[in-house]
């Protein structure tokens, strides 16, 4: 008798992946302060960016029936109360300063961890989540009123002008004693969400010249016949789109190019697949349904001879296509997060990852990264990360939902701070009209 194989539909695959990935934020959160662990490694501190993703994910979880609204309110309030009441000062042990927060925080005390920087981009990702819950929890209850009040107050407290450090473009960050880091956000990057939030501030807004300083560093390239603003790692083309509906709206730079950032991310997604098909460096398993280079953990640092060739493998690295770096390490989440841009090529890739069982032994969906070039005996996976990372998990349930319903895009189109920031950045057309 033939064995009947139950092949899941695309909807079933997305249901399962969205649910399993969402569970990271249920189980890696500390109830007392709402902070979310950076990664599943023992002793890992909290990540403020992961916490921002968690806050956004709670709204999707309620809509999808993955958690109760009361539970989402409780977790949200724990986080917002913590950020509101935690120490803001120049002290090295504080939680933040000038409305910004340190990249990593101790999970229990909420104080600065690892002598890390006061991070502008990670604060922006946190604030995107904070504005999301402020827009979502709209009921006339004491809890949801408090969420809205805290969300607005926390956003208004961020002194974006201070983060310019006397220049136009925003600084990457600041440290006690040392002061501002010597780098600024100039050129195409995930900082699009940072600039929109800083421009939209009703209290400490930056001016249009700051946004112009950012776009002045854009690099327009033609790759495999596709024209785009270039960035190698996929996450750069994805993070801002989690909250910003950039379909059909253009800033001055994109108007000149006759494109928009959504189309740009679609082109970048196709470039990644085209690169895998061409596979110029000859890594194993790369093909039309197996691709995805971004910032991720890797198997290195190590050097090994594979198929007669000396290969160098990296640890954590911002991998990119087509110019690298590339050591054969693929990140399934980066392909999934491009689902809204190019579902026709992402859905077959999700199915391939499902078929080679990248879920095996992983409580929160696909492994964060794997390297089939290090495989033996026909194994299609090879090295696989043993950890899950919050900022890798967050884009999955959120971008799946944007693909399915446009939920976050619709929600944030109603946020006046977001709309104000886009307009001040010079965006026109589409839904902004």
Protein backbone atom coordinates (compact mmCIF):
# COMPACT_ATOMS: atom_id res chain seq x y z
CA UNK A 1 0.00 0.00 0.00
CA UNK A 2 1.32 3.43 -0.95
CA UNK A 3 2.06 5.80 1.91
CA UNK A 4 -0.06 8.93 1.84
CA UNK A 5 2.09 11.99 2.38
CA UNK A 6 0.33 14.93 3.95
CA UNK A 7 1.63 17.99 2.10
CA UNK A 8 0.77 21.23 3.90
CA UNK A 9 -0.73 24.10 1.96
CA UNK A 10 1.02 27.46 1.83
CA UNK A 11 -1.48 28.79 4.37
CA UNK A 12 -0.75 25.90 6.72
CA UNK A 13 3.00 26.44 6.39
CA UNK A 14 2.61 30.13 7.22
CA UNK A 15 0.27 29.37 10.13
CA UNK A 16 2.76 26.97 11.66
CA UNK A 17 5.81 29.18 11.10
CA UNK A 18 4.08 32.29 12.42
CA UNK A 19 2.86 30.50 15.55
CA UNK A 20 6.14 28.75 16.37
CA UNK A 21 8.25 31.87 15.83
CA UNK A 22 5.85 34.02 17.86
CA UNK A 23 6.34 31.72 20.85
CA UNK A 24 9.87 33.10 21.28
CA UNK A 25 8.32 36.28 22.65
CA UNK A 26 6.05 34.38 25.01
CA UNK A 27 8.79 32.27 26.57
CA UNK A 28 11.88 34.51 26.41
CA UNK A 29 10.23 37.50 28.15
CA UNK A 30 10.62 38.42 31.82
CA UNK A 31 7.15 39.10 33.23
CA UNK A 32 8.39 41.49 35.92
CA UNK A 33 9.78 44.08 33.50
CA UNK A 34 8.64 43.00 30.03
CA UNK A 35 12.22 42.70 28.74
CA UNK A 36 12.94 40.12 26.04
CA UNK A 37 16.11 38.06 25.89
CA UNK A 38 18.51 38.87 23.05
CA UNK A 39 19.03 35.18 22.30
CA UNK A 40 18.39 31.77 23.82
CA UNK A 41 21.97 31.42 25.07
CA UNK A 42 22.20 30.90 28.83
CA UNK A 43 22.80 34.20 30.60
CA UNK A 44 21.89 36.33 27.61
CA UNK A 45 20.92 39.93 28.42
CA UNK A 46 17.81 41.61 27.08
CA UNK A 47 17.81 43.38 23.73
CA UNK A 48 15.80 46.58 23.48
CA UNK A 49 15.29 45.91 19.76
CA UNK A 50 13.94 42.42 20.48
CA UNK A 51 11.63 44.00 23.05
CA UNK A 52 10.36 46.39 20.38
CA UNK A 53 9.68 43.43 18.09
CA UNK A 54 7.90 41.67 20.95
CA UNK A 55 5.56 44.59 21.58
CA UNK A 56 4.63 44.65 17.90
CA UNK A 57 4.25 40.87 17.86
CA UNK A 58 1.77 40.94 20.75
CA UNK A 59 -0.68 42.89 18.62
CA UNK A 60 -0.39 40.31 15.84
CA UNK A 61 -0.70 37.53 18.40
CA UNK A 62 -4.01 38.92 19.64
CA UNK A 63 -5.33 39.32 16.09
CA UNK A 64 -4.29 35.77 15.17
CA UNK A 65 -5.64 34.19 18.36
CA UNK A 66 -2.16 33.24 19.55
CA UNK A 67 -2.61 35.02 22.89
CA UNK A 68 -5.37 36.68 24.90
CA UNK A 69 -5.75 40.45 24.76
CA UNK A 70 -5.51 40.64 28.57
CA UNK A 71 -2.17 38.80 28.51
CA UNK A 72 -0.88 41.12 25.78
CA UNK A 73 -1.94 44.13 27.86
CA UNK A 74 -0.18 42.79 30.95
CA UNK A 75 3.09 42.12 29.11
CA UNK A 76 2.92 45.47 27.33
CA UNK A 77 2.29 47.41 30.51
CA UNK A 78 5.17 45.64 32.27
CA UNK A 79 7.55 46.81 29.54
CA UNK A 80 6.23 50.36 29.22
CA UNK A 81 6.19 50.92 32.98
CA UNK A 82 9.75 49.63 33.20
CA UNK A 83 11.06 51.94 30.47
CA UNK A 84 9.13 54.85 31.93
CA UNK A 85 10.44 54.39 35.48
CA UNK A 86 13.99 53.14 34.87
CA UNK A 87 16.95 55.43 35.43
CA UNK A 88 17.72 57.98 32.71
CA UNK A 89 21.10 59.60 33.42
CA UNK A 90 24.75 59.75 32.39
CA UNK A 91 25.63 57.12 35.00
CA UNK A 92 27.32 54.05 33.47
CA UNK A 93 24.86 51.73 35.22
CA UNK A 94 21.68 53.53 34.09
CA UNK A 95 19.10 52.05 31.70
CA UNK A 96 19.17 55.00 29.34
CA UNK A 97 19.80 58.68 28.79
CA UNK A 98 17.92 61.49 27.02
CA UNK A 99 15.08 59.10 26.18
CA UNK A 100 17.41 56.60 24.48
CA UNK A 101 18.25 53.16 25.88
CA UNK A 102 21.30 50.94 25.94
CA UNK A 103 21.51 48.23 23.30
CA UNK A 104 21.61 45.44 25.90
CA UNK A 105 20.12 45.43 29.39
CA UNK A 106 20.43 43.01 32.27
CA UNK A 107 17.35 40.79 32.18
CA UNK A 108 16.69 41.12 35.91
CA UNK A 109 17.82 44.62 36.89
CA UNK A 110 17.24 46.31 33.56
CA UNK A 111 20.54 48.16 33.82
CA UNK A 112 23.14 48.55 31.08
CA UNK A 113 24.90 45.31 30.16
CA UNK A 114 28.34 44.60 28.70
CA UNK A 115 29.42 48.28 28.63
CA UNK A 116 27.38 48.57 25.44
CA UNK A 117 26.42 51.77 23.64
CA UNK A 118 23.33 53.92 23.99
CA UNK A 119 21.97 52.84 20.61
CA UNK A 120 20.01 55.13 18.30
CA UNK A 121 18.85 52.40 15.90
CA UNK A 122 17.91 49.94 18.62
CA UNK A 123 16.02 52.68 20.45
CA UNK A 124 14.19 53.36 17.18
CA UNK A 125 13.20 49.69 16.86
CA UNK A 126 12.00 49.79 20.46
CA UNK A 127 10.04 52.98 19.81
CA UNK A 128 8.46 51.46 16.71
CA UNK A 129 7.08 48.72 18.97
CA UNK A 130 6.04 51.26 21.59
CA UNK A 131 4.11 53.28 19.01
CA UNK A 132 2.54 50.09 17.67
CA UNK A 133 0.98 49.17 21.01
CA UNK A 134 -0.08 52.79 21.52
CA UNK A 135 -1.96 52.64 18.23
CA UNK A 136 -3.42 49.17 18.80
CA UNK A 137 -4.72 49.25 22.36
CA UNK A 138 -7.52 51.72 21.77
CA UNK A 139 -10.24 50.49 24.11
CA UNK A 140 -11.71 52.62 26.89
CA UNK A 141 -10.23 50.63 29.78
CA UNK A 142 -7.80 51.76 32.48
CA UNK A 143 -5.10 49.40 31.19
CA UNK A 144 -5.35 50.42 27.55
CA UNK A 145 -5.56 54.11 28.43
CA UNK A 146 -2.33 53.71 30.39
CA UNK A 147 -0.68 51.96 27.44
CA UNK A 148 -1.57 54.86 25.17
CA UNK A 149 -0.36 57.46 27.66
CA UNK A 150 2.96 55.70 28.31
CA UNK A 151 3.54 55.06 24.61
CA UNK A 152 3.12 58.73 23.78
CA UNK A 153 5.22 59.92 26.73
CA UNK A 154 8.12 57.56 26.00
CA UNK A 155 8.27 58.61 22.36
CA UNK A 156 8.09 62.31 23.24
CA UNK A 157 10.99 61.91 25.68
CA UNK A 158 13.55 60.84 23.06
CA UNK A 159 15.89 63.76 22.32
CA UNK A 160 16.69 63.08 18.68
CA UNK A 161 18.31 66.50 18.28
CA UNK A 162 20.88 65.64 20.94
CA UNK A 163 21.77 62.50 18.94
CA UNK A 164 22.85 64.69 16.01
CA UNK A 165 25.83 65.80 18.10
CA UNK A 166 26.06 69.14 16.34
CA UNK A 167 25.90 67.66 12.84
CA UNK A 168 23.18 66.78 10.37
CA UNK A 169 23.12 62.97 10.28
CA UNK A 170 22.27 61.05 13.43
CA UNK A 171 25.02 59.39 15.46
CA UNK A 172 25.11 55.61 15.81
CA UNK A 173 25.30 55.93 19.58
CA UNK A 174 26.87 57.25 22.76
CA UNK A 175 28.79 55.88 25.73
CA UNK A 176 29.33 57.29 29.22
CA UNK A 177 32.76 58.95 29.59
CA UNK A 178 33.65 58.42 25.92
CA UNK A 179 30.71 60.36 24.48
CA UNK A 180 29.36 59.92 20.96
CA UNK A 181 30.61 57.16 18.67
CA UNK A 182 32.63 58.46 15.69
CA UNK A 183 30.13 57.19 13.10
CA UNK A 184 26.85 58.53 11.74
CA UNK A 185 23.89 57.04 9.89
CA UNK A 186 24.76 58.13 6.35
CA UNK A 187 23.70 56.06 3.34
CA UNK A 188 21.03 53.46 2.73
CA UNK A 189 20.47 51.26 5.77
CA UNK A 190 17.89 50.06 8.25
CA UNK A 191 18.05 53.60 9.68
CA UNK A 192 15.10 54.64 7.50
CA UNK A 193 12.85 53.84 10.48
CA UNK A 194 15.19 55.85 12.74
CA UNK A 195 14.96 58.96 10.55
CA UNK A 196 11.19 58.77 10.16
CA UNK A 197 10.73 58.56 13.94
CA UNK A 198 13.22 61.37 14.56
CA UNK A 199 11.60 63.61 11.96
CA UNK A 200 8.14 62.90 13.32
CA UNK A 201 8.88 63.83 16.91
CA UNK A 202 6.56 66.52 18.34
CA UNK A 203 9.18 67.49 20.95
CA UNK A 204 12.73 67.07 19.57
CA UNK A 205 12.37 66.77 15.78
CA UNK A 206 15.38 66.76 13.50
CA UNK A 207 15.20 68.78 10.29
CA UNK A 208 14.91 67.68 6.64
CA UNK A 209 18.64 68.33 6.19
CA UNK A 210 19.31 65.30 8.40
CA UNK A 211 17.32 63.05 6.09
CA UNK A 212 19.09 64.57 3.08
CA UNK A 213 22.42 63.70 4.73
CA UNK A 214 21.25 60.10 5.01
CA UNK A 215 20.10 59.77 1.38
CA UNK A 216 23.27 61.51 0.12
CA UNK A 217 25.13 58.30 0.85
CA UNK A 218 22.82 56.03 -1.17
CA UNK A 219 24.52 53.90 -3.84
CA UNK A 220 22.44 53.17 -6.95
CA UNK A 221 23.60 50.03 -8.74
CA UNK A 222 22.55 47.73 -11.55
CA UNK A 223 22.99 44.09 -10.51
CA UNK A 224 21.95 41.20 -12.74
CA UNK A 225 19.98 43.71 -14.79
CA UNK A 226 18.07 45.00 -11.75
CA UNK A 227 18.38 48.63 -10.68
CA UNK A 228 18.30 49.39 -6.96
CA UNK A 229 19.72 51.27 -4.02
CA UNK A 230 22.32 48.77 -2.92
CA UNK A 231 22.79 47.06 0.41
CA UNK A 232 24.10 43.50 0.63
CA UNK A 233 22.42 42.04 3.76
CA UNK A 234 18.67 41.45 3.44
CA UNK A 235 17.74 42.84 6.86
CA UNK A 236 18.57 46.36 5.65
CA UNK A 237 15.83 46.01 3.03
CA UNK A 238 13.31 44.70 5.57
CA UNK A 239 13.38 46.26 9.03
CA UNK A 240 11.77 49.63 8.24
CA UNK A 241 9.09 47.92 6.14
CA UNK A 242 7.79 46.03 9.15
CA UNK A 243 6.07 49.23 10.32
CA UNK A 244 6.21 51.60 7.33
CA UNK A 245 3.93 51.04 4.36
CA UNK A 246 6.32 52.25 1.67
CA UNK A 247 4.32 50.92 -1.27
CA UNK A 248 3.85 53.65 -3.86
CA UNK A 249 5.20 56.55 -1.80
CA UNK A 250 8.47 58.25 -2.68
CA UNK A 251 11.02 60.58 -1.17
CA UNK A 252 13.01 62.98 -3.36
CA UNK A 253 15.71 60.38 -4.04
CA UNK A 254 13.28 57.70 -5.19
CA UNK A 255 11.23 60.15 -7.27
CA UNK A 256 14.35 60.86 -9.31
CA UNK A 257 14.91 57.15 -9.79
CA UNK A 258 11.30 56.36 -10.68
CA UNK A 259 11.09 53.74 -7.93
CA UNK A 260 10.13 53.39 -4.27
CA UNK A 261 11.64 51.57 -1.31
CA UNK A 262 9.14 48.70 -1.49
CA UNK A 263 10.05 48.02 -5.12
CA UNK A 264 13.69 48.41 -4.12
CA UNK A 265 13.32 45.65 -1.53
CA UNK A 266 11.64 43.47 -4.14
CA UNK A 267 14.63 43.93 -6.43
CA UNK A 268 17.01 43.14 -3.56
CA UNK A 269 15.09 39.95 -2.82
CA UNK A 270 15.40 38.83 -6.43
CA UNK A 271 19.11 39.69 -6.46
CA UNK A 272 19.60 37.33 -3.53
CA UNK A 273 17.88 34.49 -5.37
CA UNK A 274 19.71 35.30 -8.62
CA UNK A 275 22.99 35.22 -6.73
CA UNK A 276 22.17 31.79 -5.27
CA UNK A 277 21.29 30.44 -8.73
CA UNK A 278 24.57 31.74 -10.15
CA UNK A 279 26.46 30.61 -7.01
CA UNK A 280 29.75 32.20 -8.11
CA UNK A 281 31.66 30.94 -5.06
CA UNK A 282 30.46 27.37 -5.49
CA UNK A 283 28.80 26.77 -2.10
CA UNK A 284 26.70 23.67 -1.57
CA UNK A 285 22.89 23.65 -1.87
CA UNK A 286 22.56 27.21 -3.18
CA UNK A 287 19.74 27.34 -5.73
CA UNK A 288 16.45 29.09 -6.59
CA UNK A 289 14.81 27.78 -3.43
CA UNK A 290 17.76 27.96 -1.05
CA UNK A 291 19.05 31.48 -0.42
CA UNK A 292 19.14 34.29 2.14
CA UNK A 293 22.23 36.24 3.19
CA UNK A 294 22.06 38.71 6.05
CA UNK A 295 23.62 39.52 9.43
CA UNK A 296 23.79 36.21 11.24
CA UNK A 297 25.75 33.75 13.35
CA UNK A 298 28.06 31.39 11.52
CA UNK A 299 30.15 28.26 12.12
CA UNK A 300 33.48 30.07 12.41
CA UNK A 301 35.96 31.31 12.89
CA UNK A 302 37.55 28.32 11.19
CA UNK A 303 39.27 27.30 7.98
CA UNK A 304 38.57 23.95 6.35
CA UNK A 305 39.27 22.27 3.02
CA UNK A 306 35.95 21.41 1.34
CA UNK A 307 35.69 19.76 -2.09
CA UNK A 308 39.38 20.41 -2.63
CA UNK A 309 39.13 24.11 -1.85
CA UNK A 310 40.34 25.98 1.22
CA UNK A 311 37.30 27.68 2.79
CA UNK A 312 37.20 30.33 5.50
CA UNK A 313 34.11 30.39 7.71
CA UNK A 314 33.04 33.33 9.86
CA UNK A 315 31.23 33.66 13.16
CA UNK A 316 28.77 36.55 13.39
CA UNK A 317 29.00 38.61 10.20
CA UNK A 318 26.78 40.86 8.07
CA UNK A 319 26.71 38.60 5.02
CA UNK A 320 25.43 39.97 1.72
CA UNK A 321 24.88 39.40 -1.99
CA UNK A 322 26.39 39.64 -4.50
CA UNK A 323 29.60 41.18 -3.15
CA UNK A 324 29.77 39.27 0.10
CA UNK A 325 30.99 38.47 2.58
CA UNK A 326 29.68 34.98 1.96
CA UNK A 327 30.91 31.74 3.53
CA UNK A 328 27.98 29.51 2.61
CA UNK A 329 25.92 30.44 5.69
CA UNK A 330 22.22 30.98 4.94
CA UNK A 331 19.59 32.58 7.18
CA UNK A 332 16.07 31.23 6.60
CA UNK A 333 14.47 34.12 8.49
CA UNK A 334 15.89 36.63 6.03
CA UNK A 335 14.13 34.91 3.13
CA UNK A 336 10.86 34.67 5.07
CA UNK A 337 10.96 38.38 5.97
CA UNK A 338 10.94 39.22 2.25
CA UNK A 339 7.56 37.50 1.84
CA UNK A 340 5.58 40.74 1.25
CA UNK A 341 7.99 41.86 -1.48
CA UNK A 342 8.14 38.71 -3.60
CA UNK A 343 5.80 35.94 -2.38
CA UNK A 344 6.14 34.07 -5.66
CA UNK A 345 9.78 33.22 -4.89
CA UNK A 346 9.67 33.27 -1.09
CA UNK A 347 6.86 30.73 -0.63
CA UNK A 348 8.72 27.96 -2.56
CA UNK A 349 11.80 28.75 -0.44
CA UNK A 350 9.81 28.42 2.79
CA UNK A 351 8.52 25.07 1.54
CA UNK A 352 12.07 23.92 0.77
CA UNK A 353 13.23 24.88 4.27
CA UNK A 354 10.26 22.96 5.65
CA UNK A 355 11.09 19.89 3.55
CA UNK A 356 14.74 19.72 4.65
CA UNK A 357 13.42 20.01 8.23
CA UNK A 358 15.13 23.12 9.48
CA UNK A 359 12.63 22.93 12.33
CA UNK A 360 14.10 19.76 13.79
CA UNK A 361 14.89 20.33 17.45
CA UNK A 362 14.05 24.03 17.21
CA UNK A 363 11.24 25.18 19.51
CA UNK A 364 10.76 28.49 17.70
CA UNK A 365 10.58 27.56 14.02
CA UNK A 366 13.43 27.39 11.53
CA UNK A 367 17.00 27.56 12.78
CA UNK A 368 18.42 31.08 12.58
CA UNK A 369 21.23 30.07 10.22
CA UNK A 370 22.81 26.98 8.68
CA UNK A 371 25.75 26.13 6.45
CA UNK A 372 25.28 23.17 4.09
CA UNK A 373 28.83 23.53 2.75
CA UNK A 374 29.99 21.94 6.01
CA UNK A 375 27.62 18.99 5.57
CA UNK A 376 28.71 15.36 5.30
CA UNK A 377 27.09 12.32 3.66
CA UNK A 378 24.53 14.23 1.63
CA UNK A 379 23.08 16.11 4.59
CA UNK A 380 21.34 19.24 3.16
CA UNK A 381 21.81 21.25 6.37
CA UNK A 382 25.35 20.82 7.67
CA UNK A 383 26.20 23.22 10.47
CA UNK A 384 23.14 24.78 12.13
CA UNK A 385 22.93 27.47 14.78
CA UNK A 386 21.90 26.11 18.16
CA UNK A 387 20.47 29.48 19.24
CA UNK A 388 17.52 31.65 18.34
CA UNK A 389 17.95 35.44 18.24
CA UNK A 390 15.17 37.90 19.07
CA UNK A 391 15.79 40.33 16.21
CA UNK A 392 15.85 37.39 13.77
CA UNK A 393 12.59 36.00 15.16
CA UNK A 394 10.65 39.27 15.20
CA UNK A 395 10.46 39.97 11.46
CA UNK A 396 8.98 36.53 10.73
CA UNK A 397 5.50 36.74 12.33
CA UNK A 398 5.27 40.46 11.56
CA UNK A 399 6.11 40.22 7.86
CA UNK A 400 3.98 37.11 7.44
CA UNK A 401 1.09 39.19 8.76
CA UNK A 402 1.89 42.13 6.50
CA UNK A 403 1.87 39.73 3.55
CA UNK A 404 -1.46 38.22 4.58
CA UNK A 405 -3.44 41.22 5.75
CA UNK A 406 -1.26 44.36 5.79
CA UNK A 407 -2.21 44.61 9.47
CA UNK A 408 0.82 46.52 10.79
CA UNK A 409 0.96 48.78 7.74
CA UNK A 410 -2.69 49.73 8.16
CA UNK A 411 -2.27 50.25 11.90
CA UNK A 412 0.77 52.50 11.55
CA UNK A 413 -0.73 54.54 8.71
CA UNK A 414 -3.04 55.81 11.44
CA UNK A 415 -0.18 56.88 13.73
CA UNK A 416 0.23 60.66 13.43
CA UNK A 417 3.90 60.54 14.43
CA UNK A 418 4.68 58.13 11.57
CA UNK A 419 2.72 60.18 9.05
CA UNK A 420 4.41 63.40 10.22
CA UNK A 421 7.85 61.79 9.94
CA UNK A 422 7.23 60.53 6.41
CA UNK A 423 5.97 63.92 5.27
CA UNK A 424 8.92 65.75 6.82
CA UNK A 425 11.23 63.30 5.03
CA UNK A 426 9.62 64.43 1.76
CA UNK A 427 7.52 61.36 1.03
CA UNK A 428 4.53 62.00 -1.23
CA UNK A 429 2.06 60.01 -3.31
CA UNK A 430 0.12 56.82 -2.68
CA UNK A 431 -1.74 56.56 0.59
CA UNK A 432 -0.07 59.77 1.87
CA UNK A 433 -2.06 61.74 -0.71
